Protein backbone atom coordinates (compact mmCIF):
# COMPACT_ATOMS: atom_id res chain seq x y z
CA MET A 1 9.79 15.65 -9.15
CA SER A 2 8.26 19.33 -8.58
CA ASP A 3 10.97 20.37 -6.36
CA PHE A 4 13.74 19.48 -8.20
CA GLU A 5 12.37 21.75 -10.87
CA THR A 6 12.17 24.35 -8.64
CA LEU A 7 15.73 24.27 -7.48
CA ASN A 8 17.20 23.79 -11.00
CA LYS A 9 15.43 26.97 -11.78
CA THR A 10 18.38 28.50 -9.36
CA ILE A 11 20.82 25.50 -8.77
CA ASP A 12 22.84 23.47 -11.40
CA LEU A 13 22.21 20.24 -9.79
CA ARG A 14 24.37 18.07 -11.88
CA GLY A 15 27.11 16.72 -9.72
CA THR A 16 25.47 17.11 -6.40
CA ILE A 17 24.61 15.46 -3.45
CA ALA A 18 20.72 15.88 -2.30
CA ILE A 19 19.30 15.78 0.97
CA VAL A 20 15.49 15.20 1.29
CA ARG A 21 12.78 14.59 4.01
CA TYR A 22 10.98 11.82 4.13
CA GLY A 23 7.23 12.30 2.48
CA GLY A 24 5.30 13.64 -0.35
CA ALA A 25 6.80 10.88 -2.84
CA GLY A 26 8.05 7.60 -2.40
CA ARG A 27 11.65 6.56 -1.46
CA SER A 28 12.50 5.30 -4.86
CA ALA A 29 10.41 7.91 -6.76
CA LYS A 30 12.60 10.81 -4.52
CA ALA A 31 15.98 8.84 -6.18
CA ILE A 32 14.43 8.49 -9.59
CA ASN A 33 13.40 12.21 -10.00
CA ALA A 34 16.59 13.16 -8.17
CA ALA A 35 18.84 11.71 -11.11
CA LYS A 36 16.83 13.37 -13.96
CA PHE A 37 18.43 16.51 -12.81
CA GLY A 38 21.37 14.90 -12.62
CA VAL A 39 22.23 14.68 -8.80
CA ILE A 40 24.69 11.65 -8.18
CA GLY A 41 23.37 10.92 -4.40
CA LEU A 42 20.59 11.21 -2.47
CA ILE A 43 20.47 11.34 1.59
CA VAL A 44 17.12 10.70 3.18
CA TYR A 45 15.84 11.57 6.65
CA THR A 46 12.93 11.80 8.86
CA ASP A 47 12.19 15.17 10.00
CA PRO A 48 11.03 15.56 13.81
CA LYS A 49 8.36 17.89 12.26
CA ASP A 50 6.99 14.83 10.07
CA ILE A 51 6.79 12.05 13.11
CA ASN A 52 7.27 13.88 16.30
CA ASP A 53 5.13 16.53 16.20
CA GLY A 54 7.93 18.99 16.38
CA ASN A 55 10.27 16.95 19.27
CA ALA A 56 13.52 16.89 18.43
CA ALA A 57 15.71 17.06 21.66
CA GLU A 58 17.33 13.67 23.34
CA SER A 59 15.62 14.95 26.51
CA GLN A 60 11.64 14.77 24.22
CA THR A 61 12.96 11.57 22.67
CA TYR A 62 13.16 8.00 23.73
CA PRO A 63 13.80 6.94 26.04
CA HIS A 64 12.17 9.33 27.69
CA SER A 65 9.10 9.06 25.53
CA TRP A 66 7.33 7.46 22.76
CA TYR A 67 9.06 9.62 19.98
CA MET A 68 11.83 8.96 17.57
CA PRO A 69 15.27 9.88 18.93
CA PRO A 70 18.05 11.56 16.64
CA SER A 71 20.03 8.54 15.63
CA GLY A 72 16.86 6.59 14.67
CA VAL A 73 16.99 5.38 10.92
CA GLU A 74 13.64 5.15 8.74
CA ARG A 75 14.43 2.33 6.34
CA GLY A 76 12.47 1.15 3.85
CA ALA A 77 12.71 -1.04 0.19
CA TYR A 78 13.82 1.85 -3.03
CA VAL A 79 11.95 -0.10 -5.36
CA GLU A 80 9.33 1.47 -7.69
CA ASP A 81 7.58 -2.01 -8.51
CA PHE A 82 5.79 -4.63 -6.30
CA GLY A 83 7.01 -8.35 -6.06
CA ASP A 84 10.17 -10.07 -7.71
CA LEU A 85 11.83 -8.38 -9.82
CA LEU A 86 13.00 -10.86 -11.46
CA THR A 87 9.80 -12.37 -11.94
CA PRO A 88 7.75 -8.79 -13.23
CA TYR A 89 3.91 -9.91 -14.04
CA TYR A 90 4.32 -13.70 -13.26
CA PRO A 91 4.61 -15.55 -9.57
CA ALA A 92 8.53 -16.35 -8.76
CA LYS A 93 8.05 -20.41 -8.62
CA GLU A 94 11.74 -22.83 -8.93
CA PHE A 95 10.72 -23.23 -12.52
CA SER A 96 9.92 -19.53 -13.54
CA TYR A 97 12.19 -17.80 -16.23
CA ARG A 98 13.90 -15.16 -14.74
CA ILE A 99 15.04 -11.82 -16.09
CA ASN A 100 18.64 -10.87 -16.18
CA GLU A 101 19.92 -8.68 -12.96
CA SER A 102 21.00 -5.82 -15.38
CA ASP A 103 17.47 -5.88 -16.76
CA ILE A 104 15.60 -4.87 -13.39
CA GLY A 105 13.80 -1.82 -13.74
CA GLY A 106 12.53 0.42 -10.89
CA LEU A 107 15.63 0.74 -9.16
CA PRO A 108 17.16 4.02 -8.49
CA PRO A 109 20.03 4.68 -10.72
CA ILE A 110 22.14 6.86 -7.72
CA PRO A 111 23.67 5.37 -4.41
CA THR A 112 20.74 6.49 -1.64
CA GLN A 113 21.14 6.25 2.12
CA PRO A 114 18.78 7.19 5.06
CA ILE A 115 20.06 8.49 8.18
CA GLY A 116 19.07 10.02 11.33
CA PHE A 117 17.61 13.36 12.14
CA GLY A 118 20.30 14.49 14.18
CA ASP A 119 23.04 13.41 11.94
CA ALA A 120 20.74 15.22 8.96
CA GLU A 121 20.64 18.52 11.66
CA LYS A 122 24.81 18.87 10.87
CA LEU A 123 23.98 19.44 7.35
CA ILE A 124 20.91 21.13 7.15
CA CYS A 125 21.71 23.71 9.77
CA GLN A 126 25.02 24.72 8.12
CA LEU A 127 23.74 24.77 4.37
CA GLY A 128 23.98 28.29 2.47
CA GLY A 129 22.52 29.41 -0.43
CA GLN A 130 18.77 31.06 0.11
CA GLU A 131 16.06 30.28 2.79
CA ALA A 132 13.72 27.72 1.81
CA ASP A 133 10.66 28.25 1.43
CA SER A 134 8.29 28.30 4.25
CA SER A 135 6.65 24.83 3.22
CA TRP A 136 9.72 23.14 3.46
CA GLN A 137 10.56 24.40 6.66
CA GLY A 138 10.96 21.42 9.17
CA GLY A 139 11.45 20.61 12.94
CA LEU A 140 15.56 20.87 13.58
CA SER A 141 16.59 24.00 15.52
CA CYS A 142 17.25 26.04 12.57
CA LYS A 143 16.51 28.04 9.35
CA TYR A 144 16.47 25.75 6.17
CA ASN A 145 18.21 26.82 3.33
CA ILE A 146 18.47 25.14 0.19
CA GLY A 147 22.19 25.44 -0.60
CA PRO A 148 24.00 24.83 -2.71
CA GLY A 149 27.39 24.34 -0.06
CA PHE A 150 27.97 25.49 3.34
CA ARG A 151 27.28 28.69 5.11
CA GLU A 152 30.93 31.09 5.57
CA GLY A 153 32.21 30.67 9.07
CA THR A 154 30.99 26.57 9.58
CA TYR A 155 32.84 24.06 7.18
CA SER A 156 35.57 24.73 5.24
CA GLY A 157 33.80 25.95 2.10
CA SER A 158 35.60 23.58 -0.52
CA SER A 159 34.17 20.41 1.82
CA ASP A 160 32.68 17.91 0.42
CA VAL A 161 30.12 15.46 0.91
CA VAL A 162 30.62 11.76 0.24
CA VAL A 163 27.96 8.97 0.53
CA ASN A 164 29.50 5.72 1.02
CA VAL A 165 26.93 3.05 0.81
CA TYR A 166 27.70 -0.67 1.31
CA ASN A 167 24.47 -2.33 0.04
CA HIS A 168 25.19 -5.45 -2.17
CA ALA A 169 22.72 -7.58 -3.83
CA GLU A 170 22.18 -10.92 -2.40
CA VAL A 171 19.34 -13.15 -3.94
CA LYS A 172 17.74 -15.01 -1.02
CA SER A 173 14.68 -17.55 -0.47
CA SER A 174 11.24 -16.32 1.20
CA ALA A 175 8.01 -17.74 1.72
CA ASN A 176 4.34 -17.06 2.05
CA VAL A 177 2.67 -19.54 5.07
CA MET A 178 -1.08 -20.18 3.65
CA GLY A 179 -4.06 -21.44 6.04
CA ILE A 180 -7.88 -22.25 4.71
CA ILE A 181 -10.88 -22.55 6.33
CA ARG A 182 -13.52 -24.12 3.60
CA GLY A 183 -16.94 -22.40 3.59
CA SER A 184 -20.17 -24.53 4.04
CA VAL A 185 -22.37 -22.05 1.88
CA GLU A 186 -20.36 -20.53 -0.83
CA PRO A 187 -16.74 -21.90 -0.57
CA ASP A 188 -15.85 -20.05 -4.02
CA ARG A 189 -16.22 -16.79 -2.62
CA TYR A 190 -13.11 -15.30 -0.75
CA ILE A 191 -12.79 -13.48 2.55
CA MET A 192 -8.54 -12.97 2.91
CA TYR A 193 -7.31 -11.77 6.03
CA GLY A 194 -3.51 -11.44 5.55
CA ASN A 195 -0.02 -9.92 7.54
CA HIS A 196 3.59 -10.40 6.43
CA ARG A 197 6.09 -11.82 8.93
CA ASP A 198 9.13 -10.38 7.87
CA SER A 199 10.46 -6.90 9.35
CA TRP A 200 13.67 -4.66 9.54
CA VAL A 201 14.44 -4.71 13.23
CA HIS A 202 12.18 -6.88 16.35
CA GLY A 203 8.74 -6.00 14.86
CA ALA A 204 7.04 -5.88 18.10
CA ILE A 205 4.50 -3.73 16.57
CA ASP A 206 4.97 -4.05 12.55
CA PRO A 207 4.12 -6.97 12.29
CA SER A 208 4.14 -8.94 14.76
CA SER A 209 1.19 -7.78 17.06
CA GLY A 210 -1.20 -8.19 13.76
CA THR A 211 0.85 -11.68 13.98
CA ALA A 212 -0.41 -12.49 16.93
CA VAL A 213 -4.02 -11.52 16.31
CA MET A 214 -3.84 -13.68 13.45
CA LEU A 215 -2.49 -16.94 15.40
CA GLU A 216 -5.47 -16.23 17.90
CA ILE A 217 -7.78 -15.99 15.10
CA THR A 218 -6.84 -19.27 13.64
CA ARG A 219 -6.40 -20.68 16.84
CA VAL A 220 -9.67 -19.65 18.01
CA LEU A 221 -11.73 -20.34 14.57
CA GLY A 222 -9.38 -23.58 13.70
CA THR A 223 -10.95 -25.08 17.18
CA LYS A 224 -14.20 -23.90 16.72
CA VAL A 225 -14.16 -25.98 13.21
CA LYS A 226 -12.20 -29.52 14.58
CA GLN A 227 -14.89 -29.86 16.92
CA GLY A 228 -17.56 -29.43 14.35
CA LYS A 229 -19.62 -26.51 15.90
CA TRP A 230 -19.17 -23.64 13.49
CA ARG A 231 -17.60 -23.47 10.08
CA PRO A 232 -17.89 -19.86 7.97
CA ARG A 233 -19.86 -18.92 5.69
CA ARG A 234 -17.81 -18.59 2.88
CA THR A 235 -14.15 -19.86 2.93
CA ILE A 236 -11.45 -18.11 4.41
CA ILE A 237 -8.69 -17.65 3.66
CA PHE A 238 -5.14 -16.85 5.84
CA GLY A 239 -2.18 -15.31 4.52
CA SER A 240 1.21 -14.53 6.22
CA TRP A 241 3.45 -13.17 4.03
CA GLY A 242 6.94 -13.38 3.45
CA ALA A 243 9.67 -10.39 2.30
CA GLU A 244 7.02 -7.78 2.85
CA GLU A 245 9.57 -4.78 3.38
CA PHE A 246 11.20 -5.33 0.79
CA GLY A 247 8.87 -4.85 -1.82
CA LEU A 248 5.49 -6.42 -0.91
CA ILE A 249 7.07 -9.47 -2.55
CA GLY A 250 4.96 -12.60 -0.58
CA SER A 251 1.43 -11.13 -1.14
CA THR A 252 2.38 -9.66 -4.75
CA GLU A 253 3.63 -13.18 -5.93
CA PHE A 254 0.49 -14.93 -4.80
CA ALA A 255 -2.07 -12.59 -6.09
CA GLU A 256 0.19 -13.14 -9.42
CA ASP A 257 0.25 -16.85 -8.75
CA TYR A 258 -3.71 -16.86 -8.31
CA TYR A 259 -5.07 -13.69 -10.23
CA SER A 260 -8.15 -14.62 -11.77
CA LYS A 261 -9.25 -16.29 -9.02
CA LEU A 262 -8.99 -14.32 -6.55
CA ARG A 263 -10.23 -11.03 -8.74
CA ASP A 264 -13.44 -13.31 -9.45
CA ARG A 265 -14.08 -14.83 -6.40
CA THR A 266 -12.91 -12.74 -3.27
CA ALA A 267 -14.95 -10.72 -1.48
CA ALA A 268 -13.00 -8.64 0.80
CA TYR A 269 -9.15 -8.68 2.04
CA ILE A 270 -8.57 -7.61 5.51
CA ASN A 271 -4.66 -6.56 6.14
CA VAL A 272 -3.19 -6.15 9.69
CA ASP A 273 0.36 -5.72 10.11
CA ILE A 274 -0.31 -3.06 13.21
CA SER A 275 -3.03 -4.46 15.45
CA VAL A 276 -1.52 -2.29 18.38
CA PHE A 277 0.33 0.16 18.98
CA GLY A 278 1.20 2.60 21.94
CA LYS A 279 -1.58 2.99 24.21
CA VAL A 280 -3.86 2.92 21.74
CA LYS A 281 -7.36 1.24 22.39
CA LEU A 282 -10.25 0.02 20.14
CA HIS A 283 -13.58 -0.29 21.38
CA ASN A 284 -15.93 -1.29 18.66
CA ASP A 285 -19.59 -2.57 19.25
CA SER A 286 -22.68 -3.97 16.98
CA THR A 287 -24.02 -1.65 14.66
CA PHE A 288 -26.86 0.74 15.97
CA TRP A 289 -29.75 -1.42 13.85
CA ALA A 290 -28.10 -4.52 14.77
CA ASN A 291 -29.22 -3.70 18.72
CA ILE A 292 -32.13 -2.74 18.09
CA TYR A 293 -32.88 -6.32 16.24
CA PHE A 294 -31.81 -8.02 19.28
CA CYS A 295 -33.98 -6.15 21.51
CA LEU A 296 -37.09 -7.07 19.36
CA LEU A 297 -35.73 -10.41 19.27
CA SER A 298 -35.69 -10.62 22.95
CA SER A 299 -39.05 -8.66 23.71
């Protein structure tokens, strides 16, 4: 909000289209805050300074490295509230009352479109007006100005930016897939292990790396239980959540459905939508005191 307040001191934002970068406030907050100042459209981009260590050239990005290329577009849900927006505070069952779509709150009142930083550069590097504060400068090959309009000698002074958004609202079904291993001593105390199942593209890292790990854990533990060799002290609940990318819908609806029990009985929740990425390795070991205890027992 403070950024728009700063701009509004010197620029009449009414009827303008703003270009903003990811970071700081969430996606929906950017659009909702912009609309409060009269902005009629929002363009959102990912700045290479924030995600690429400043690398913006095509030779420095994918497929030549793991950095996002100029054409890469970060997507996400532009909603202020979590869960099924048609059943606020209640689980989305077949028999649940649903509010009218016109009564849904927390959605941006203006069209919003994400773009890659390659397209953003064509706009940002031609902006006129005052030079932006140093904290607003990014990783593109130019100084960032705040506008409004374009610098002389670039685009025509009468050039307009038009935002065309072809998104449409559609109701789809989604489901959670749950698994439970009942505890042997404290069956009414829960250890929860969860991960969402949906993804924006193919989801090799987010969420499929986490899904692969969860499936292997359930396979190993399930085999031990079936063989009668092991059973956990507390109940373990596995949750494969649906429609997470659209606003944490699956997990939120589950929590709304079993709120009282989860509040009173859950001891821990472990979330793993990203288990492996890049060349990162995880080395773990038992704690220092556990090793000493083991040595004492061995001796």
